[in-house]
Amino acid sequence: MKMKLFLTTAILVANFAYAKAFYIKSIQSNFKQTIINEKNSKIVYQGKMSALADKNLALWEYTSPIHKKIYYEGDGKVVIFEPELEQVIFAKLGKVPNVLKLISSAKEIAPNRLKTKFNGITYYINLNGDKISSISYTDEMKNRVTIEFLNERVNTNINKNIFAYIIPKGYDILEQN
């Protein structure tokens, strides 16, 4: 279940970076992802992310409390590096929010605050000018998820080589559908 949450989050923001509606060609940002379950248990993940719209690529690097890298390619291919488990997971995702559709259907509910719905989940997108300050939603497992973007840089040059990966020798390779 946690992997599904990681993947949904990664795809959501990767696709958001693809959204031409905000003229975002690239984005690099630190992030803080807070997840609160129904019992009010909270976990906070931190890291950094990069995305290129024209190539529809994204990389999420989780640094705390675990180390993990999630690579996303526009065709729905996701590659997850789990160094603590010495494994790489290849996955193909369906039912992932198409943020272009989310944004085109989003309604402004307050200045710099948008609301939209996809697959029964309501997303709130907070903006700060042309930047995303946060995205929040309650997932299908009733977790309240907030992703805050910190030190965000929009439309800067990103070397696309950071989106390439090499599988370390000895890592287990898993495939999920």
C-alpha atoms as a PDB file:
ATOM      1  CA  MET A   1       0.000   0.000   0.000  1.00  0.00           C
ATOM      2  CA  LYS A   2       2.844   2.429   0.819  1.00  0.00           C
ATOM      3  CA  MET A   3       4.382   1.741  -2.587  1.00  0.00           C
ATOM      4  CA  LYS A   4       1.111   2.661  -4.290  1.00  0.00           C
ATOM      5  CA  LEU A   5       1.104   5.951  -2.380  1.00  0.00           C
ATOM      6  CA  PHE A   6       4.706   6.682  -3.386  1.00  0.00           C
ATOM      7  CA  LEU A   7       3.915   5.915  -7.009  1.00  0.00           C
ATOM      8  CA  THR A   8       0.728   7.945  -7.113  1.00  0.00           C
ATOM      9  CA  THR A   9       2.494  10.922  -5.586  1.00  0.00           C
ATOM     10  CA  ALA A  10       5.412  10.685  -7.972  1.00  0.00           C
ATOM     11  CA  ILE A  11       3.202  10.427 -11.014  1.00  0.00           C
ATOM     12  CA  LEU A  12       0.895  13.181  -9.847  1.00  0.00           C
ATOM     13  CA  VAL A  13       3.655  15.737  -9.639  1.00  0.00           C
ATOM     14  CA  ALA A  14       5.519  14.457 -12.678  1.00  0.00           C
ATOM     15  CA  ASN A  15       2.381  14.972 -14.705  1.00  0.00           C
ATOM     16  CA  PHE A  16       1.808  18.318 -13.033  1.00  0.00           C
ATOM     17  CA  ALA A  17       5.186  19.440 -14.333  1.00  0.00           C
ATOM     18  CA  TYR A  18       3.947  18.414 -17.779  1.00  0.00           C
ATOM     19  CA  ALA A  19       0.997  20.784 -17.525  1.00  0.00           C
ATOM     20  CA  LYS A  20       1.301  23.485 -20.131  1.00  0.00           C
ATOM     21  CA  ALA A  21      -1.473  25.446 -18.426  1.00  0.00           C
ATOM     22  CA  PHE A  22       1.088  26.840 -15.983  1.00  0.00           C
ATOM     23  CA  TYR A  23       3.871  27.109 -18.580  1.00  0.00           C
ATOM     24  CA  ILE A  24       6.065  24.805 -16.550  1.00  0.00           C
ATOM     25  CA  LYS A  25       8.858  23.395 -18.680  1.00  0.00           C
ATOM     26  CA  SER A  26      10.948  22.132 -15.789  1.00  0.00           C
ATOM     27  CA  ILE A  27      10.802  22.037 -12.032  1.00  0.00           C
ATOM     28  CA  GLN A  28      13.279  21.243  -9.298  1.00  0.00           C
ATOM     29  CA  SER A  29      12.260  21.404  -5.698  1.00  0.00           C
ATOM     30  CA  ASN A  30      12.817  20.076  -2.247  1.00  0.00           C
ATOM     31  CA  PHE A  31       9.665  18.544  -0.860  1.00  0.00           C
ATOM     32  CA  LYS A  32       8.084  17.533   2.385  1.00  0.00           C
ATOM     33  CA  GLN A  33       5.366  14.888   2.111  1.00  0.00           C
ATOM     34  CA  THR A  34       3.175  14.465   5.179  1.00  0.00           C
ATOM     35  CA  ILE A  35       0.843  11.484   5.447  1.00  0.00           C
ATOM     36  CA  ILE A  36      -1.678  11.236   8.267  1.00  0.00           C
ATOM     37  CA  ASN A  37      -3.746   8.067   8.581  1.00  0.00           C
ATOM     38  CA  GLU A  38      -7.231   7.612  10.048  1.00  0.00           C
ATOM     39  CA  LYS A  39      -5.752   7.119  13.536  1.00  0.00           C
ATOM     40  CA  ASN A  40      -3.860  10.428  13.227  1.00  0.00           C
ATOM     41  CA  SER A  41      -0.485   8.679  12.984  1.00  0.00           C
ATOM     42  CA  LYS A  42       1.791  10.879  10.977  1.00  0.00           C
ATOM     43  CA  ILE A  43       4.853  10.178   8.873  1.00  0.00           C
ATOM     44  CA  VAL A  44       6.881  12.833   7.112  1.00  0.00           C
ATOM     45  CA  TYR A  45       9.058  12.092   4.111  1.00  0.00           C
ATOM     46  CA  GLN A  46      11.566  14.557   2.724  1.00  0.00           C
ATOM     47  CA  GLY A  47      13.649  14.761  -0.379  1.00  0.00           C
ATOM     48  CA  LYS A  48      14.021  16.496  -3.679  1.00  0.00           C
ATOM     49  CA  MET A  49      12.408  16.123  -7.053  1.00  0.00           C
ATOM     50  CA  SER A  50      13.140  17.131 -10.630  1.00  0.00           C
ATOM     51  CA  ALA A  51      10.936  16.975 -13.696  1.00  0.00           C
ATOM     52  CA  LEU A  52      11.181  17.861 -17.384  1.00  0.00           C
ATOM     53  CA  ALA A  53       7.920  18.514 -19.195  1.00  0.00           C
ATOM     54  CA  ASP A  54       9.089  18.116 -22.798  1.00  0.00           C
ATOM     55  CA  LYS A  55      10.560  14.691 -22.043  1.00  0.00           C
ATOM     56  CA  ASN A  56       7.849  13.869 -19.462  1.00  0.00           C
ATOM     57  CA  LEU A  57      10.478  12.622 -17.022  1.00  0.00           C
ATOM     58  CA  ALA A  58      10.666  12.918 -13.253  1.00  0.00           C
ATOM     59  CA  LEU A  59      12.928  11.815 -10.447  1.00  0.00           C
ATOM     60  CA  TRP A  60      11.892  11.752  -6.792  1.00  0.00           C
ATOM     61  CA  GLU A  61      14.715  11.228  -4.309  1.00  0.00           C
ATOM     62  CA  TYR A  62      13.468  10.423  -0.834  1.00  0.00           C
ATOM     63  CA  THR A  63      16.161  11.127   1.760  1.00  0.00           C
ATOM     64  CA  SER A  64      14.317  10.908   5.072  1.00  0.00           C
ATOM     65  CA  PRO A  65      13.274   8.788   6.911  1.00  0.00           C
ATOM     66  CA  ILE A  66      14.170   6.277   4.186  1.00  0.00           C
ATOM     67  CA  HIS A  67      16.308   6.441   1.081  1.00  0.00           C
ATOM     68  CA  LYS A  68      14.524   5.702  -2.143  1.00  0.00           C
ATOM     69  CA  LYS A  69      14.601   6.931  -5.745  1.00  0.00           C
ATOM     70  CA  ILE A  70      11.598   6.859  -8.037  1.00  0.00           C
ATOM     71  CA  TYR A  71      12.138   7.406 -11.753  1.00  0.00           C
ATOM     72  CA  TYR A  72       9.115   8.165 -13.917  1.00  0.00           C
ATOM     73  CA  GLU A  73       8.861   8.071 -17.703  1.00  0.00           C
ATOM     74  CA  GLY A  74       5.872   9.514 -19.516  1.00  0.00           C
ATOM     75  CA  ASP A  75       4.664   6.167 -20.780  1.00  0.00           C
ATOM     76  CA  GLY A  76       3.687   5.188 -17.225  1.00  0.00           C
ATOM     77  CA  LYS A  77       6.915   3.285 -16.571  1.00  0.00           C
ATOM     78  CA  VAL A  78       8.165   3.662 -13.003  1.00  0.00           C
ATOM     79  CA  VAL A  79      11.467   2.389 -11.651  1.00  0.00           C
ATOM     80  CA  ILE A  80      11.906   2.343  -7.872  1.00  0.00           C
ATOM     81  CA  PHE A  81      15.324   1.947  -6.275  1.00  0.00           C
ATOM     82  CA  GLU A  82      15.205   0.608  -2.709  1.00  0.00           C
ATOM     83  CA  PRO A  83      18.855   0.710  -1.547  1.00  0.00           C
ATOM     84  CA  GLU A  84      18.074  -0.518   1.972  1.00  0.00           C
ATOM     85  CA  LEU A  85      16.487  -3.645   0.454  1.00  0.00           C
ATOM     86  CA  GLU A  86      18.990  -3.845  -2.432  1.00  0.00           C
ATOM     87  CA  GLN A  87      16.186  -4.086  -4.949  1.00  0.00           C
ATOM     88  CA  VAL A  88      14.807  -2.346  -7.996  1.00  0.00           C
ATOM     89  CA  ILE A  89      11.118  -2.513  -8.839  1.00  0.00           C
ATOM     90  CA  PHE A  90       9.799  -1.975 -12.369  1.00  0.00           C
ATOM     91  CA  ALA A  91       6.126  -1.051 -12.501  1.00  0.00           C
ATOM     92  CA  LYS A  92       3.608   0.155 -15.059  1.00  0.00           C
ATOM     93  CA  LEU A  93       0.795   2.268 -13.700  1.00  0.00           C
ATOM     94  CA  GLY A  94      -2.778   2.650 -14.755  1.00  0.00           C
ATOM     95  CA  LYS A  95      -5.437   4.872 -13.201  1.00  0.00           C
ATOM     96  CA  VAL A  96      -2.880   7.595 -12.535  1.00  0.00           C
ATOM     97  CA  PRO A  97      -4.243  11.126 -12.562  1.00  0.00           C
ATOM     98  CA  ASN A  98      -3.669  12.919 -15.828  1.00  0.00           C
ATOM     99  CA  VAL A  99      -2.871  16.312 -14.379  1.00  0.00           C
ATOM    100  CA  LEU A 100      -3.551  18.075 -17.671  1.00  0.00           C
ATOM    101  CA  LYS A 101      -7.124  16.873 -17.275  1.00  0.00           C
ATOM    102  CA  LEU A 102      -7.084  17.742 -13.565  1.00  0.00           C
ATOM    103  CA  ILE A 103      -5.969  21.295 -14.253  1.00  0.00           C
ATOM    104  CA  SER A 104      -8.313  21.823 -17.163  1.00  0.00           C
ATOM    105  CA  SER A 105     -11.204  20.786 -14.937  1.00  0.00           C
ATOM    106  CA  ALA A 106      -9.897  22.573 -11.811  1.00  0.00           C
ATOM    107  CA  LYS A 107     -11.919  25.441 -10.484  1.00  0.00           C
ATOM    108  CA  GLU A 108     -10.468  28.334  -8.575  1.00  0.00           C
ATOM    109  CA  ILE A 109     -12.037  28.257  -5.131  1.00  0.00           C
ATOM    110  CA  ALA A 110      -9.948  31.087  -3.690  1.00  0.00           C
ATOM    111  CA  PRO A 111      -7.043  33.171  -4.942  1.00  0.00           C
ATOM    112  CA  ASN A 112      -4.175  30.790  -5.795  1.00  0.00           C
ATOM    113  CA  ARG A 113      -6.191  27.724  -4.717  1.00  0.00           C
ATOM    114  CA  LEU A 114      -7.656  25.227  -7.164  1.00  0.00           C
ATOM    115  CA  LYS A 115      -9.853  22.199  -6.603  1.00  0.00           C
ATOM    116  CA  THR A 116     -10.518  19.282  -8.898  1.00  0.00           C
ATOM    117  CA  LYS A 117     -11.579  15.645  -8.771  1.00  0.00           C
ATOM    118  CA  PHE A 118     -10.211  12.532 -10.480  1.00  0.00           C
ATOM    119  CA  ASN A 119     -11.248   8.898  -9.904  1.00  0.00           C
ATOM    120  CA  GLY A 120     -13.230   9.917  -6.843  1.00  0.00           C
ATOM    121  CA  ILE A 121     -10.331  11.761  -5.188  1.00  0.00           C
ATOM    122  CA  THR A 122     -10.460  15.532  -4.653  1.00  0.00           C
ATOM    123  CA  TYR A 123      -7.165  17.377  -5.171  1.00  0.00           C
ATOM    124  CA  TYR A 124      -6.372  20.832  -3.837  1.00  0.00           C
ATOM    125  CA  ILE A 125      -3.574  22.668  -5.605  1.00  0.00           C
ATOM    126  CA  ASN A 126      -2.128  25.747  -3.930  1.00  0.00           C
ATOM    127  CA  LEU A 127      -0.145  28.131  -6.085  1.00  0.00           C
ATOM    128  CA  ASN A 128       2.276  30.918  -5.376  1.00  0.00           C
ATOM    129  CA  GLY A 129       2.375  32.852  -8.621  1.00  0.00           C
ATOM    130  CA  ASP A 130       3.614  30.433 -11.280  1.00  0.00           C
ATOM    131  CA  LYS A 131       4.862  27.973  -8.673  1.00  0.00           C
ATOM    132  CA  ILE A 132       3.168  25.093  -6.896  1.00  0.00           C
ATOM    133  CA  SER A 133       3.297  25.607  -3.144  1.00  0.00           C
ATOM    134  CA  SER A 134       1.453  22.404  -2.218  1.00  0.00           C
ATOM    135  CA  ILE A 135      -0.861  19.637  -3.337  1.00  0.00           C
ATOM    136  CA  SER A 136      -3.168  17.929  -0.866  1.00  0.00           C
ATOM    137  CA  TYR A 137      -5.692  15.125  -1.088  1.00  0.00           C
ATOM    138  CA  THR A 138      -7.167  12.201   0.817  1.00  0.00           C
ATOM    139  CA  ASP A 139      -6.276   8.935  -0.874  1.00  0.00           C
ATOM    140  CA  GLU A 140      -8.426   5.832  -1.284  1.00  0.00           C
ATOM    141  CA  MET A 141      -7.007   4.417   1.988  1.00  0.00           C
ATOM    142  CA  LYS A 142      -8.245   7.541   3.857  1.00  0.00           C
ATOM    143  CA  ASN A 143      -4.706   8.882   4.336  1.00  0.00           C
ATOM    144  CA  ARG A 144      -4.494  12.687   4.280  1.00  0.00           C
ATOM    145  CA  VAL A 145      -1.550  13.569   2.054  1.00  0.00           C
ATOM    146  CA  THR A 146       0.107  16.966   1.721  1.00  0.00           C
ATOM    147  CA  ILE A 147       3.128  17.619  -0.463  1.00  0.00           C
ATOM    148  CA  GLU A 148       4.830  20.939   0.205  1.00  0.00           C
ATOM    149  CA  PHE A 149       7.343  22.312  -2.275  1.00  0.00           C
ATOM    150  CA  LEU A 150      10.337  24.172  -0.851  1.00  0.00           C
ATOM    151  CA  ASN A 151      13.025  26.176  -2.663  1.00  0.00           C
ATOM    152  CA  GLU A 152      11.222  25.483  -5.928  1.00  0.00           C
ATOM    153  CA  ARG A 153      12.932  26.445  -9.176  1.00  0.00           C
ATOM    154  CA  VAL A 154      10.732  26.570 -12.259  1.00  0.00           C
ATOM    155  CA  ASN A 155      11.859  26.640 -15.893  1.00  0.00           C
ATOM    156  CA  THR A 156      15.574  26.243 -15.199  1.00  0.00           C
ATOM    157  CA  ASN A 157      17.926  24.011 -17.165  1.00  0.00           C
ATOM    158  CA  ILE A 158      18.058  20.439 -15.891  1.00  0.00           C
ATOM    159  CA  ASN A 159      20.598  17.977 -17.208  1.00  0.00           C
ATOM    160  CA  LYS A 160      18.482  15.094 -18.490  1.00  0.00           C
ATOM    161  CA  ASN A 161      21.229  12.637 -17.507  1.00  0.00           C
ATOM    162  CA  ILE A 162      19.927  12.746 -13.917  1.00  0.00           C
ATOM    163  CA  PHE A 163      16.924  10.748 -15.176  1.00  0.00           C
ATOM    164  CA  ALA A 164      19.135   7.840 -16.294  1.00  0.00           C
ATOM    165  CA  TYR A 165      19.722   5.007 -13.884  1.00  0.00           C
ATOM    166  CA  ILE A 166      22.077   2.074 -13.530  1.00  0.00           C
ATOM    167  CA  ILE A 167      21.069  -1.003 -11.580  1.00  0.00           C
ATOM    168  CA  PRO A 168      23.811  -1.889  -9.097  1.00  0.00           C
ATOM    169  CA  LYS A 169      25.265  -5.374  -9.332  1.00  0.00           C
ATOM    170  CA  GLY A 170      23.635  -7.776  -6.888  1.00  0.00           C
ATOM    171  CA  TYR A 171      20.297  -5.927  -6.623  1.00  0.00           C
ATOM    172  CA  ASP A 172      17.152  -8.004  -6.917  1.00  0.00           C
ATOM    173  CA  ILE A 173      14.929  -6.978  -9.826  1.00  0.00           C
ATOM    174  CA  LEU A 174      11.160  -7.180  -9.338  1.00  0.00           C
ATOM    175  CA  GLU A 175       8.393  -6.485 -11.837  1.00  0.00           C
ATOM    176  CA  GLN A 176       4.896  -5.396 -10.941  1.00  0.00           C
ATOM    177  CA  ASN A 177       1.900  -4.827 -13.164  1.00  0.00           C
END
